[in-house]
């Protein structure tokens, strides 16, 4: 998502901010990012994906319902199927709609 916004900003320039809700113009950091475009692109295309990938590698996939753990990939050792999720919600007290 960040990378797509960076590409749009590169092509549209300051005009991209007219598409962002609740923003009247470019923020102050955008000018700095434009002045240091090489460093900005290195950060967006090298550093950010590395950080995001480190979050994915943990293998964690957990489903919580009202703050209570309903399903954990770490505990079961596998990604849930649709029925696993339905069973977990049923055990947590939710009823299936007919």
C-alpha atoms as a PDB file:
ATOM      1  CA  UNK A   1       0.000   0.000   0.000  1.00  0.00           C
ATOM      2  CA  UNK A   2       2.805   2.395   0.902  1.00  0.00           C
ATOM      3  CA  UNK A   3       4.583   1.522  -2.320  1.00  0.00           C
ATOM      4  CA  UNK A   4       1.499   2.206  -4.420  1.00  0.00           C
ATOM      5  CA  UNK A   5       1.067   5.594  -2.743  1.00  0.00           C
ATOM      6  CA  UNK A   6       4.749   6.367  -3.405  1.00  0.00           C
ATOM      7  CA  UNK A   7       4.324   5.537  -7.093  1.00  0.00           C
ATOM      8  CA  UNK A   8       1.208   7.728  -7.301  1.00  0.00           C
ATOM      9  CA  UNK A   9       3.027  10.561  -5.537  1.00  0.00           C
ATOM     10  CA  UNK A  10       5.944  10.243  -7.958  1.00  0.00           C
ATOM     11  CA  UNK A  11       3.641  10.565 -10.972  1.00  0.00           C
ATOM     12  CA  UNK A  12       1.069  13.009  -9.612  1.00  0.00           C
ATOM     13  CA  UNK A  13       3.356  15.121  -7.425  1.00  0.00           C
ATOM     14  CA  UNK A  14       1.612  17.511  -5.052  1.00  0.00           C
ATOM     15  CA  UNK A  15      -1.707  16.775  -6.765  1.00  0.00           C
ATOM     16  CA  UNK A  16      -1.966  13.407  -4.978  1.00  0.00           C
ATOM     17  CA  UNK A  17      -3.012  15.211  -1.799  1.00  0.00           C
ATOM     18  CA  UNK A  18      -6.269  16.371  -3.382  1.00  0.00           C
ATOM     19  CA  UNK A  19      -7.366  12.702  -3.345  1.00  0.00           C
ATOM     20  CA  UNK A  20      -6.574  12.182   0.357  1.00  0.00           C
ATOM     21  CA  UNK A  21      -9.591  12.951   2.555  1.00  0.00           C
ATOM     22  CA  UNK A  22      -9.225  15.542   5.325  1.00  0.00           C
ATOM     23  CA  UNK A  23      -5.930  16.851   3.914  1.00  0.00           C
ATOM     24  CA  UNK A  24      -5.860  20.284   2.315  1.00  0.00           C
ATOM     25  CA  UNK A  25      -2.327  20.183   0.914  1.00  0.00           C
ATOM     26  CA  UNK A  26       1.003  18.400   1.080  1.00  0.00           C
ATOM     27  CA  UNK A  27       2.278  17.856   4.634  1.00  0.00           C
ATOM     28  CA  UNK A  28       5.674  19.209   5.665  1.00  0.00           C
ATOM     29  CA  UNK A  29       7.380  15.799   5.511  1.00  0.00           C
ATOM     30  CA  UNK A  30       6.389  15.409   1.835  1.00  0.00           C
ATOM     31  CA  UNK A  31       8.671  18.279   0.818  1.00  0.00           C
ATOM     32  CA  UNK A  32      11.577  16.640   2.655  1.00  0.00           C
ATOM     33  CA  UNK A  33      10.800  13.304   1.004  1.00  0.00           C
ATOM     34  CA  UNK A  34      10.808  14.946  -2.449  1.00  0.00           C
ATOM     35  CA  UNK A  35      14.137  16.668  -1.749  1.00  0.00           C
ATOM     36  CA  UNK A  36      15.666  13.311  -0.744  1.00  0.00           C
ATOM     37  CA  UNK A  37      13.944  11.176  -3.363  1.00  0.00           C
ATOM     38  CA  UNK A  38      16.615   8.468  -3.620  1.00  0.00           C
ATOM     39  CA  UNK A  39      16.654   7.867   0.133  1.00  0.00           C
ATOM     40  CA  UNK A  40      12.868   7.959   0.244  1.00  0.00           C
ATOM     41  CA  UNK A  41      12.532   5.352  -2.504  1.00  0.00           C
ATOM     42  CA  UNK A  42      15.189   3.148  -0.882  1.00  0.00           C
ATOM     43  CA  UNK A  43      13.256   3.319   2.378  1.00  0.00           C
ATOM     44  CA  UNK A  44       9.910   2.572   0.742  1.00  0.00           C
ATOM     45  CA  UNK A  45      11.070  -0.242  -1.542  1.00  0.00           C
ATOM     46  CA  UNK A  46      13.801  -1.861   0.618  1.00  0.00           C
ATOM     47  CA  UNK A  47      13.295  -1.096   4.305  1.00  0.00           C
ATOM     48  CA  UNK A  48       9.483  -1.174   4.581  1.00  0.00           C
ATOM     49  CA  UNK A  49       9.088  -4.592   2.865  1.00  0.00           C
ATOM     50  CA  UNK A  50      11.792  -6.055   5.109  1.00  0.00           C
ATOM     51  CA  UNK A  51       9.940  -4.831   8.183  1.00  0.00           C
ATOM     52  CA  UNK A  52       6.577  -6.115   6.929  1.00  0.00           C
ATOM     53  CA  UNK A  53       8.121  -9.474   6.020  1.00  0.00           C
ATOM     54  CA  UNK A  54       9.524  -9.861   9.538  1.00  0.00           C
ATOM     55  CA  UNK A  55       5.980  -9.549  10.893  1.00  0.00           C
ATOM     56  CA  UNK A  56       4.706 -12.238   8.530  1.00  0.00           C
ATOM     57  CA  UNK A  57       7.527 -14.686   9.282  1.00  0.00           C
ATOM     58  CA  UNK A  58       6.444 -15.102  12.911  1.00  0.00           C
ATOM     59  CA  UNK A  59       3.765 -17.494  11.694  1.00  0.00           C
ATOM     60  CA  UNK A  60       1.221 -16.005  14.029  1.00  0.00           C
ATOM     61  CA  UNK A  61      -2.391 -16.189  12.940  1.00  0.00           C
ATOM     62  CA  UNK A  62      -4.782 -15.641  15.767  1.00  0.00           C
ATOM     63  CA  UNK A  63      -8.472 -14.879  15.937  1.00  0.00           C
ATOM     64  CA  UNK A  64      -9.852 -13.081  18.970  1.00  0.00           C
ATOM     65  CA  UNK A  65     -13.476 -12.492  19.895  1.00  0.00           C
ATOM     66  CA  UNK A  66     -14.103  -9.783  22.491  1.00  0.00           C
ATOM     67  CA  UNK A  67     -10.487 -10.041  23.641  1.00  0.00           C
ATOM     68  CA  UNK A  68     -10.630 -13.845  24.067  1.00  0.00           C
ATOM     69  CA  UNK A  69      -8.384 -16.021  21.912  1.00  0.00           C
ATOM     70  CA  UNK A  70     -10.619 -18.203  19.734  1.00  0.00           C
ATOM     71  CA  UNK A  71      -8.062 -19.726  17.334  1.00  0.00           C
ATOM     72  CA  UNK A  72      -4.264 -19.759  17.282  1.00  0.00           C
ATOM     73  CA  UNK A  73      -2.101 -21.133  14.496  1.00  0.00           C
ATOM     74  CA  UNK A  74       0.809 -21.258  16.918  1.00  0.00           C
ATOM     75  CA  UNK A  75      -1.146 -23.552  19.278  1.00  0.00           C
ATOM     76  CA  UNK A  76      -2.624 -25.807  16.593  1.00  0.00           C
ATOM     77  CA  UNK A  77       0.333 -25.753  14.213  1.00  0.00           C
ATOM     78  CA  UNK A  78      -1.812 -25.212  11.122  1.00  0.00           C
ATOM     79  CA  UNK A  79      -3.738 -22.548   9.257  1.00  0.00           C
ATOM     80  CA  UNK A  80      -7.453 -22.875   9.912  1.00  0.00           C
ATOM     81  CA  UNK A  81      -9.904 -24.090   7.340  1.00  0.00           C
ATOM     82  CA  UNK A  82     -13.341 -22.540   7.077  1.00  0.00           C
ATOM     83  CA  UNK A  83     -14.788 -25.262   9.303  1.00  0.00           C
ATOM     84  CA  UNK A  84     -12.029 -24.720  11.898  1.00  0.00           C
ATOM     85  CA  UNK A  85     -13.021 -21.067  12.154  1.00  0.00           C
ATOM     86  CA  UNK A  86     -16.739 -21.881  12.339  1.00  0.00           C
ATOM     87  CA  UNK A  87     -16.071 -24.492  15.048  1.00  0.00           C
ATOM     88  CA  UNK A  88     -13.941 -22.042  17.023  1.00  0.00           C
ATOM     89  CA  UNK A  89     -16.670 -19.392  16.916  1.00  0.00           C
ATOM     90  CA  UNK A  90     -19.313 -21.981  17.851  1.00  0.00           C
ATOM     91  CA  UNK A  91     -17.244 -23.091  20.853  1.00  0.00           C
ATOM     92  CA  UNK A  92     -16.924 -19.420  21.822  1.00  0.00           C
ATOM     93  CA  UNK A  93     -20.711 -19.173  21.996  1.00  0.00           C
ATOM     94  CA  UNK A  94     -21.693 -17.761  18.625  1.00  0.00           C
ATOM     95  CA  UNK A  95     -24.597 -19.455  16.873  1.00  0.00           C
ATOM     96  CA  UNK A  96     -24.614 -20.348  13.203  1.00  0.00           C
ATOM     97  CA  UNK A  97     -27.224 -18.652  11.069  1.00  0.00           C
ATOM     98  CA  UNK A  98     -29.514 -21.065   9.236  1.00  0.00           C
END
